[in-house]
Amino acid sequence: MPEPAAPIPPDHEDEAPGLRKIIHVDMDAFFASVEQRDHPELRGKPVAVGGSGGRGVVAAASYEARKFGVRSAMPSVTAKRLCPDLIFVRHRFDAYKEASRQIRRIFEHHTPHVEPLSLDEAYLDVTEDRLGIGSATRIAELIRQEIRAKTQLTASAGVSYNKFLAKIASDQNKPDGVCVIRPGEGADFVANLPIRRFHGVGPKAEAKMKAHGIATGGDLAARDIAFLKTHFGSSADYLFRAARGIDLRPVRAQRVRKSIGGERTFGEDISSGSALRETLENIIDIVWERIENASSTDSPVRGRTVTLKLKFTDFQIMTRAKSCPANGGTGWIEDRSGFAQLARDLLDEALPLALPIRLMGLTLSNLEGTSESGEAAAGKGRDEAQLRLL
């Protein structure tokens, strides 16, 4: 593991002119911490948010549970085997969203430039902060203090001159810590990182890199762009820059939303046509409610494409999509009936199924009239993807 960057006293922060001041704030074991806050009897005990049944999945684990190797997205049966005393609690998404709203207001007290990644993490650009503090490190400490005082939760923060480094730094001194990577330190810091710490490098990519002798950021920096393009294709440019501590992406307070969807994993496999159609109607209701929540009077959400997703019992995934013209040839899906009809057509065309399914999902894409910001970006992404498995 790399050595943590030395903390910088706020009054002596060394920031080169013209560089951005970026903070990445990441709440510590957020869902589990909210449960421990609201239920004092859970404090100090290994807690997992999730279903404890045969197909339950851990959405979040307290630090007491993590000591046993329990991690998010782990099957609950595996988690219980690792930690026999593990306490499972059902998710309370409304409680997590309310805590996230409180945290978001704290961020916006310091800067309007907030880019949420989920309910529990966000990038902040404090190059010009609202209170005129000037020091990104000091602002990060104040934000963590305010979060603790107002929510009784802890947060970790990374401070640097770009998003890539700030995100890595926020994980460096968890939980309840701060790490600062100053201008001029980025390349050396990254050189010591295990390649798995790079955002987007999963187990398969890590294995492929190690097969080419790339185990650290320094190993990656030693490869030229031609080598990276040959072996890693479209990821080459990102890897080349990241290995040198370079990231030019701005913090975006609003991002164009590409799709709205929902899916359900079933406690028991389903295969009959009637059960599949009943499930589809339920998912149509869920997704259309999300579409309406994302709409406004002046800017209703509408899309062109509906995609049906089916995961079979052997874990193979099938997707089918249909696009407009719909609704009399307007080219847009503008109401629930048009959305539902395309979804039903997709399911009818897929029947009969070769195998029972364990998951069904629907997505409306090619959208117009929606942007992803604030709670919309935070609450409809990774967190619900975890919780809908429970």
Protein backbone atom coordinates (compact mmCIF):
# COMPACT_ATOMS: atom_id res chain seq x y z
CA MET A 1 0.00 0.00 0.00
CA PRO A 2 1.25 3.53 -0.71
CA GLU A 3 2.16 5.80 2.11
CA PRO A 4 -0.55 8.40 2.80
CA ALA A 5 0.23 11.92 1.71
CA ALA A 6 1.20 14.10 4.63
CA PRO A 7 -1.64 16.26 5.96
CA ILE A 8 -1.20 19.97 5.28
CA PRO A 9 -1.96 22.61 7.89
CA PRO A 10 -4.74 24.78 6.42
CA ASP A 11 -2.74 27.98 6.73
CA HIS A 12 0.16 26.52 4.75
CA GLU A 13 -1.61 24.76 1.91
CA ASP A 14 0.53 24.78 -1.20
CA GLU A 15 -1.66 25.23 -4.25
CA ALA A 16 -0.22 26.32 -7.55
CA PRO A 17 -2.06 29.15 -9.34
CA GLY A 18 -4.48 28.07 -12.03
CA LEU A 19 -5.05 24.58 -10.63
CA ARG A 20 -8.46 23.37 -9.51
CA LYS A 21 -9.19 22.63 -5.87
CA ILE A 22 -11.20 19.40 -5.78
CA ILE A 23 -12.62 17.54 -2.79
CA HIS A 24 -14.06 14.05 -2.95
CA VAL A 25 -16.24 13.28 0.09
CA ASP A 26 -17.16 9.66 0.77
CA MET A 27 -19.36 8.69 3.70
CA ASP A 28 -18.09 5.84 5.87
CA ALA A 29 -20.16 2.62 5.54
CA PHE A 30 -23.12 4.90 4.87
CA PHE A 31 -26.18 2.63 4.96
CA ALA A 32 -24.85 0.59 7.87
CA SER A 33 -23.79 3.73 9.74
CA VAL A 34 -27.30 5.21 9.43
CA GLU A 35 -28.71 1.99 10.88
CA GLN A 36 -26.24 2.06 13.78
CA ARG A 37 -27.02 5.73 14.40
CA ASP A 38 -30.76 5.15 14.49
CA HIS A 39 -30.56 1.88 16.42
CA PRO A 40 -28.12 2.25 19.33
CA GLU A 41 -28.25 -1.47 20.07
CA LEU A 42 -26.40 -2.08 16.78
CA ARG A 43 -23.46 0.17 17.59
CA GLY A 44 -20.15 -1.61 17.82
CA LYS A 45 -21.61 -4.78 16.29
CA PRO A 46 -21.14 -6.34 12.85
CA VAL A 47 -24.09 -5.14 10.76
CA ALA A 48 -25.07 -5.78 7.16
CA VAL A 49 -27.83 -3.98 5.31
CA GLY A 50 -29.50 -6.57 3.11
CA GLY A 51 -31.61 -9.67 2.96
CA SER A 52 -30.51 -12.69 4.93
CA GLY A 53 -32.38 -15.18 2.72
CA GLY A 54 -30.96 -17.57 0.17
CA ARG A 55 -30.60 -14.93 -2.54
CA GLY A 56 -29.99 -11.98 -0.26
CA VAL A 57 -27.13 -9.65 -1.06
CA VAL A 58 -25.14 -7.37 1.23
CA ALA A 59 -25.77 -3.75 0.19
CA ALA A 60 -23.51 -2.31 2.89
CA ALA A 61 -21.46 -3.58 5.82
CA SER A 62 -20.34 -1.86 8.99
CA TYR A 63 -16.62 -1.64 9.71
CA GLU A 64 -17.08 -4.22 12.45
CA ALA A 65 -18.37 -6.63 9.76
CA ARG A 66 -15.66 -5.70 7.28
CA LYS A 67 -13.03 -6.99 9.69
CA PHE A 68 -14.38 -10.46 8.91
CA GLY A 69 -14.19 -9.89 5.15
CA VAL A 70 -17.86 -8.97 4.65
CA ARG A 71 -18.25 -6.64 1.66
CA SER A 72 -21.04 -5.04 -0.35
CA ALA A 73 -22.47 -7.11 -3.22
CA MET A 74 -21.47 -10.30 -1.36
CA PRO A 75 -24.13 -13.05 -1.14
CA SER A 76 -25.64 -12.99 2.32
CA VAL A 77 -24.97 -16.69 2.89
CA THR A 78 -21.26 -16.07 2.28
CA ALA A 79 -21.26 -13.07 4.61
CA LYS A 80 -22.93 -15.10 7.37
CA ARG A 81 -20.37 -17.85 6.94
CA LEU A 82 -17.52 -15.35 7.32
CA CYS A 83 -19.16 -13.65 10.31
CA PRO A 84 -21.56 -15.93 12.22
CA ASP A 85 -22.60 -13.06 14.52
CA LEU A 86 -23.50 -10.80 11.60
CA ILE A 87 -26.75 -8.88 12.13
CA PHE A 88 -28.85 -8.31 9.00
CA VAL A 89 -31.18 -5.33 8.79
CA ARG A 90 -33.58 -4.47 5.99
CA HIS A 91 -32.84 -1.32 4.04
CA ARG A 92 -34.64 1.97 4.77
CA PHE A 93 -34.01 3.92 1.61
CA ASP A 94 -36.00 6.96 2.75
CA ALA A 95 -33.71 7.32 5.79
CA TYR A 96 -30.62 7.16 3.60
CA LYS A 97 -32.03 9.75 1.19
CA GLU A 98 -32.89 12.11 4.04
CA ALA A 99 -29.34 11.87 5.42
CA SER A 100 -28.00 12.42 1.91
CA ARG A 101 -30.12 15.57 1.54
CA GLN A 102 -28.67 16.94 4.79
CA ILE A 103 -25.16 16.24 3.57
CA ARG A 104 -25.87 17.81 0.20
CA ARG A 105 -27.00 21.04 1.90
CA ILE A 106 -23.68 21.14 3.77
CA PHE A 107 -21.80 20.81 0.48
CA GLU A 108 -23.84 23.59 -1.13
CA HIS A 109 -23.11 25.87 1.82
CA HIS A 110 -19.52 25.89 0.57
CA THR A 111 -19.84 25.59 -3.23
CA PRO A 112 -22.49 25.36 -5.95
CA HIS A 113 -20.19 23.00 -7.87
CA VAL A 114 -21.28 19.62 -6.49
CA GLU A 115 -21.31 16.44 -8.60
CA PRO A 116 -23.01 13.57 -6.73
CA LEU A 117 -21.92 10.06 -7.63
CA SER A 118 -24.39 8.31 -5.32
CA LEU A 119 -26.19 8.99 -2.07
CA ASP A 120 -22.94 8.77 -0.12
CA GLU A 121 -20.25 10.41 -2.23
CA ALA A 122 -19.68 13.51 -4.32
CA TYR A 123 -17.05 15.69 -5.95
CA LEU A 124 -16.83 19.36 -4.95
CA ASP A 125 -14.95 22.07 -6.80
CA VAL A 126 -13.95 24.68 -4.22
CA THR A 127 -11.55 26.64 -6.41
CA GLU A 128 -13.75 29.63 -5.58
CA ASP A 129 -15.67 28.75 -2.44
CA ARG A 130 -18.73 30.64 -1.24
CA LEU A 131 -17.30 31.57 2.17
CA GLY A 132 -13.97 32.82 0.84
CA ILE A 133 -11.96 30.34 2.91
CA GLY A 134 -9.52 29.64 0.09
CA SER A 135 -8.03 26.41 1.48
CA ALA A 136 -9.51 23.19 0.11
CA THR A 137 -8.05 21.26 3.03
CA ARG A 138 -9.69 23.56 5.55
CA ILE A 139 -13.01 23.33 3.70
CA ALA A 140 -12.81 19.52 3.71
CA GLU A 141 -12.25 19.52 7.48
CA LEU A 142 -15.13 21.93 8.05
CA ILE A 143 -17.45 19.81 5.91
CA ARG A 144 -16.54 16.68 7.86
CA GLN A 145 -17.14 18.49 11.15
CA GLU A 146 -20.52 19.78 9.95
CA ILE A 147 -21.58 16.33 8.75
CA ARG A 148 -20.70 14.82 12.12
CA ALA A 149 -22.53 17.57 14.04
CA LYS A 150 -25.70 17.55 11.92
CA THR A 151 -26.05 13.86 11.03
CA GLN A 152 -23.97 12.02 13.67
CA LEU A 153 -22.21 10.27 10.77
CA THR A 154 -18.57 10.28 9.70
CA ALA A 155 -17.08 11.05 6.31
CA SER A 156 -13.67 10.68 4.72
CA ALA A 157 -12.31 13.19 2.23
CA GLY A 158 -9.67 13.38 -0.45
CA VAL A 159 -8.26 16.76 -1.48
CA SER A 160 -6.28 17.32 -4.65
CA TYR A 161 -6.06 19.24 -7.90
CA ASN A 162 -8.14 16.81 -9.99
CA LYS A 163 -10.98 14.32 -9.63
CA PHE A 164 -8.95 11.16 -10.15
CA LEU A 165 -6.51 11.98 -7.36
CA ALA A 166 -9.18 13.31 -5.00
CA LYS A 167 -11.20 10.09 -5.29
CA ILE A 168 -8.17 7.91 -4.63
CA ALA A 169 -7.18 10.12 -1.69
CA SER A 170 -10.61 9.84 -0.03
CA ASP A 171 -10.10 6.09 0.35
CA GLN A 172 -6.57 6.41 1.68
CA ASN A 173 -7.25 7.12 5.36
CA LYS A 174 -10.71 5.62 5.84
CA PRO A 175 -12.68 5.68 8.01
CA ASP A 176 -13.07 9.25 9.27
CA GLY A 177 -9.88 10.55 7.69
CA VAL A 178 -8.48 13.08 5.24
CA CYS A 179 -5.73 12.68 2.67
CA VAL A 180 -4.26 15.53 0.64
CA ILE A 181 -2.29 15.16 -2.60
CA ARG A 182 -0.69 18.49 -3.41
CA PRO A 183 0.35 19.83 -6.83
CA GLY A 184 3.56 18.15 -7.87
CA GLU A 185 2.87 15.02 -5.80
CA GLY A 186 0.33 13.29 -8.05
CA ALA A 187 2.61 11.24 -10.30
CA ASP A 188 4.74 9.96 -7.40
CA PHE A 189 1.64 9.10 -5.37
CA VAL A 190 0.08 7.16 -8.25
CA ALA A 191 3.34 5.35 -9.00
CA ASN A 192 3.08 3.45 -5.70
CA LEU A 193 -0.58 2.48 -6.08
CA PRO A 194 -1.57 -1.12 -6.76
CA ILE A 195 -3.21 -1.14 -10.18
CA ARG A 196 -6.46 -2.39 -8.61
CA ARG A 197 -6.86 1.00 -6.93
CA PHE A 198 -7.40 2.67 -10.31
CA HIS A 199 -11.08 3.45 -10.84
CA GLY A 200 -12.50 1.09 -13.44
CA VAL A 201 -9.83 -1.60 -13.06
CA GLY A 202 -11.69 -4.69 -11.91
CA PRO A 203 -10.40 -8.22 -11.25
CA LYS A 204 -10.32 -9.20 -14.92
CA ALA A 205 -8.48 -6.05 -16.00
CA GLU A 206 -6.09 -6.45 -13.07
CA ALA A 207 -5.28 -10.01 -14.12
CA LYS A 208 -4.71 -8.91 -17.71
CA MET A 209 -2.41 -6.09 -16.61
CA LYS A 210 -0.41 -8.36 -14.33
CA ALA A 211 0.02 -10.77 -17.23
CA HIS A 212 1.78 -7.89 -19.00
CA GLY A 213 3.93 -7.12 -15.95
CA ILE A 214 1.81 -4.17 -14.76
CA ALA A 215 1.19 -4.31 -11.01
CA THR A 216 1.48 -0.65 -9.95
CA GLY A 217 0.88 2.82 -11.29
CA GLY A 218 4.61 3.09 -11.92
CA ASP A 219 4.55 -0.02 -14.09
CA LEU A 220 1.65 1.45 -16.03
CA ALA A 221 3.43 4.79 -16.51
CA ALA A 222 6.38 2.93 -18.03
CA ARG A 223 4.20 1.73 -20.95
CA ASP A 224 3.74 4.03 -23.91
CA ILE A 225 0.40 4.91 -25.44
CA ALA A 226 0.90 2.56 -28.41
CA PHE A 227 1.31 -0.41 -26.07
CA LEU A 228 -1.76 0.57 -24.08
CA LYS A 229 -3.92 1.00 -27.18
CA THR A 230 -2.81 -2.38 -28.50
CA HIS A 231 -3.67 -4.22 -25.30
CA PHE A 232 -6.37 -2.09 -23.63
CA GLY A 233 -8.17 -0.43 -26.51
CA SER A 234 -10.56 2.39 -25.59
CA SER A 235 -9.23 2.51 -22.00
CA ALA A 236 -5.73 3.41 -23.17
CA ASP A 237 -6.05 7.20 -23.01
CA TYR A 238 -7.55 7.10 -19.52
CA LEU A 239 -4.86 4.72 -18.24
CA PHE A 240 -2.06 6.74 -19.81
CA ARG A 241 -3.22 9.96 -18.12
CA ALA A 242 -4.15 8.40 -14.81
CA ALA A 243 -0.74 6.77 -14.44
CA ARG A 244 0.73 10.27 -14.58
CA GLY A 245 -1.77 11.79 -12.16
CA ILE A 246 -3.54 13.71 -14.95
CA ASP A 247 -7.32 14.22 -15.09
CA LEU A 248 -8.82 17.21 -16.90
CA ARG A 249 -12.48 16.42 -16.22
CA PRO A 250 -14.38 19.28 -14.56
CA VAL A 251 -16.79 18.83 -11.69
CA ARG A 252 -20.23 18.85 -13.33
CA ALA A 253 -23.13 19.96 -11.18
CA GLN A 254 -25.54 18.74 -13.87
CA ARG A 255 -25.10 15.80 -16.19
CA VAL A 256 -27.37 14.70 -18.99
CA ARG A 257 -29.24 11.62 -17.93
CA LYS A 258 -29.08 8.86 -20.53
CA SER A 259 -31.72 6.48 -19.21
CA ILE A 260 -34.23 5.74 -16.47
CA GLY A 261 -34.92 2.19 -15.45
CA GLY A 262 -35.59 -0.38 -12.79
CA GLU A 263 -35.27 -4.10 -12.27
CA ARG A 264 -36.22 -6.81 -9.81
CA THR A 265 -34.48 -9.99 -8.68
CA PHE A 266 -36.95 -12.67 -7.60
CA GLY A 267 -36.90 -14.86 -4.53
CA GLU A 268 -37.98 -17.76 -6.77
CA ASP A 269 -37.36 -18.27 -10.48
CA ILE A 270 -40.34 -17.58 -12.74
CA SER A 271 -41.11 -18.95 -16.18
CA SER A 272 -44.85 -19.02 -16.82
CA GLY A 273 -46.28 -16.44 -19.19
CA SER A 274 -48.82 -15.17 -16.67
CA ALA A 275 -46.23 -14.68 -13.92
CA LEU A 276 -43.86 -12.94 -16.33
CA ARG A 277 -46.58 -10.56 -17.51
CA GLU A 278 -47.65 -9.77 -13.96
CA THR A 279 -44.05 -9.01 -13.04
CA LEU A 280 -43.64 -6.83 -16.11
CA GLU A 281 -46.67 -4.72 -15.13
CA ASN A 282 -45.14 -4.15 -11.71
CA ILE A 283 -41.85 -2.99 -13.23
CA ILE A 284 -43.70 -0.74 -15.71
CA ASP A 285 -45.30 1.01 -12.72
CA ILE A 286 -41.97 1.40 -10.94
CA VAL A 287 -40.13 2.82 -13.93
CA TRP A 288 -42.95 5.12 -15.01
CA GLU A 289 -43.11 6.56 -11.49
CA ARG A 290 -39.38 7.33 -11.75
CA ILE A 291 -39.91 8.95 -15.15
CA GLU A 292 -42.66 11.15 -13.72
CA ASN A 293 -40.47 12.05 -10.73
CA ALA A 294 -37.74 13.15 -13.12
CA SER A 295 -40.17 15.31 -15.13
CA SER A 296 -41.27 18.86 -14.52
CA THR A 297 -44.22 20.86 -15.86
CA ASP A 298 -41.97 22.78 -18.23
CA SER A 299 -39.75 19.84 -19.13
CA PRO A 300 -41.50 16.47 -19.24
CA VAL A 301 -39.25 13.46 -19.74
CA ARG A 302 -39.74 11.49 -22.90
CA GLY A 303 -37.64 8.87 -24.63
CA ARG A 304 -37.33 6.90 -27.84
CA THR A 305 -36.20 3.42 -26.78
CA VAL A 306 -37.49 0.77 -24.35
CA THR A 307 -35.17 -2.06 -23.37
CA LEU A 308 -36.21 -5.29 -21.66
CA LYS A 309 -33.58 -7.18 -19.65
CA LEU A 310 -33.92 -10.81 -18.57
CA LYS A 311 -31.40 -12.75 -16.49
CA PHE A 312 -31.81 -16.51 -16.68
CA THR A 313 -31.15 -19.06 -13.96
CA ASP A 314 -27.76 -19.82 -15.55
CA PHE A 315 -26.93 -16.07 -15.17
CA GLN A 316 -26.94 -15.44 -18.92
CA ILE A 317 -28.52 -12.08 -19.77
CA MET A 318 -30.77 -11.34 -22.71
CA THR A 319 -31.77 -7.82 -23.73
CA ARG A 320 -34.32 -6.76 -26.32
CA ALA A 321 -35.06 -3.17 -27.39
CA LYS A 322 -37.70 -1.32 -29.40
CA SER A 323 -37.63 2.29 -30.52
CA CYS A 324 -40.27 4.69 -31.73
CA PRO A 325 -42.06 5.89 -33.88
CA ALA A 326 -44.83 5.52 -31.30
CA ASN A 327 -47.86 7.53 -30.23
CA GLY A 328 -49.05 8.24 -33.74
CA GLY A 329 -45.61 8.58 -35.25
CA THR A 330 -44.30 11.43 -33.11
CA GLY A 331 -41.02 9.61 -32.57
CA TRP A 332 -41.28 9.89 -28.76
CA ILE A 333 -42.67 7.78 -25.96
CA GLU A 334 -44.55 10.47 -24.07
CA ASP A 335 -47.03 8.63 -21.86
CA ARG A 336 -47.37 5.50 -19.78
CA SER A 337 -49.53 3.67 -22.32
CA GLY A 338 -46.91 4.02 -25.07
CA PHE A 339 -44.14 2.90 -22.71
CA ALA A 340 -46.17 -0.06 -21.44
CA GLN A 341 -47.15 -1.21 -24.93
CA LEU A 342 -43.58 -1.37 -26.14
CA ALA A 343 -42.55 -3.24 -22.99
CA ARG A 344 -45.34 -5.79 -23.46
CA ASP A 345 -44.43 -6.26 -27.12
CA LEU A 346 -40.83 -6.98 -26.13
CA LEU A 347 -41.86 -9.63 -23.62
CA ASP A 348 -44.32 -11.26 -26.04
CA GLU A 349 -41.61 -11.52 -28.68
CA ALA A 350 -39.22 -13.15 -26.19
CA LEU A 351 -41.72 -15.85 -25.16
CA PRO A 352 -41.48 -18.76 -24.72
CA LEU A 353 -38.28 -18.56 -22.69
CA ALA A 354 -35.64 -21.26 -22.90
CA LEU A 355 -35.07 -21.14 -19.13
CA PRO A 356 -36.75 -19.60 -16.09
CA ILE A 357 -35.53 -16.14 -15.12
CA ARG A 358 -34.24 -14.71 -11.85
CA LEU A 359 -34.33 -11.02 -12.86
CA MET A 360 -36.36 -8.71 -15.07
CA GLY A 361 -35.67 -5.06 -15.85
CA LEU A 362 -36.95 -2.21 -18.04
CA THR A 363 -35.20 0.95 -19.21
CA LEU A 364 -36.32 4.03 -21.12
CA SER A 365 -33.41 5.62 -22.98
CA ASN A 366 -32.55 8.23 -25.62
CA LEU A 367 -34.14 10.76 -23.32
CA GLU A 368 -35.16 14.37 -23.73
CA GLY A 369 -36.13 16.73 -20.95
CA THR A 370 -34.10 15.46 -18.02
CA SER A 371 -30.79 16.22 -16.41
CA GLU A 372 -29.11 14.32 -13.64
CA SER A 373 -28.20 16.43 -10.67
CA GLY A 374 -28.59 16.54 -6.94
CA GLU A 375 -30.69 13.82 -5.45
CA ALA A 376 -31.72 12.55 -8.89
CA ALA A 377 -28.13 11.66 -9.65
CA ALA A 378 -27.45 10.41 -6.15
CA GLY A 379 -30.55 8.40 -5.45
CA LYS A 380 -31.24 6.58 -8.70
CA GLY A 381 -27.82 5.12 -9.37
CA ARG A 382 -25.62 2.63 -7.65
CA ASP A 383 -27.54 2.64 -4.37
CA GLU A 384 -30.88 1.52 -5.77
CA ALA A 385 -29.07 -0.97 -7.97
CA GLN A 386 -27.79 -2.56 -4.77
CA LEU A 387 -31.01 -2.27 -2.79
CA ARG A 388 -33.31 -3.68 -5.45
CA LEU A 389 -31.50 -7.02 -5.02
CA LEU A 390 -32.58 -7.28 -1.39
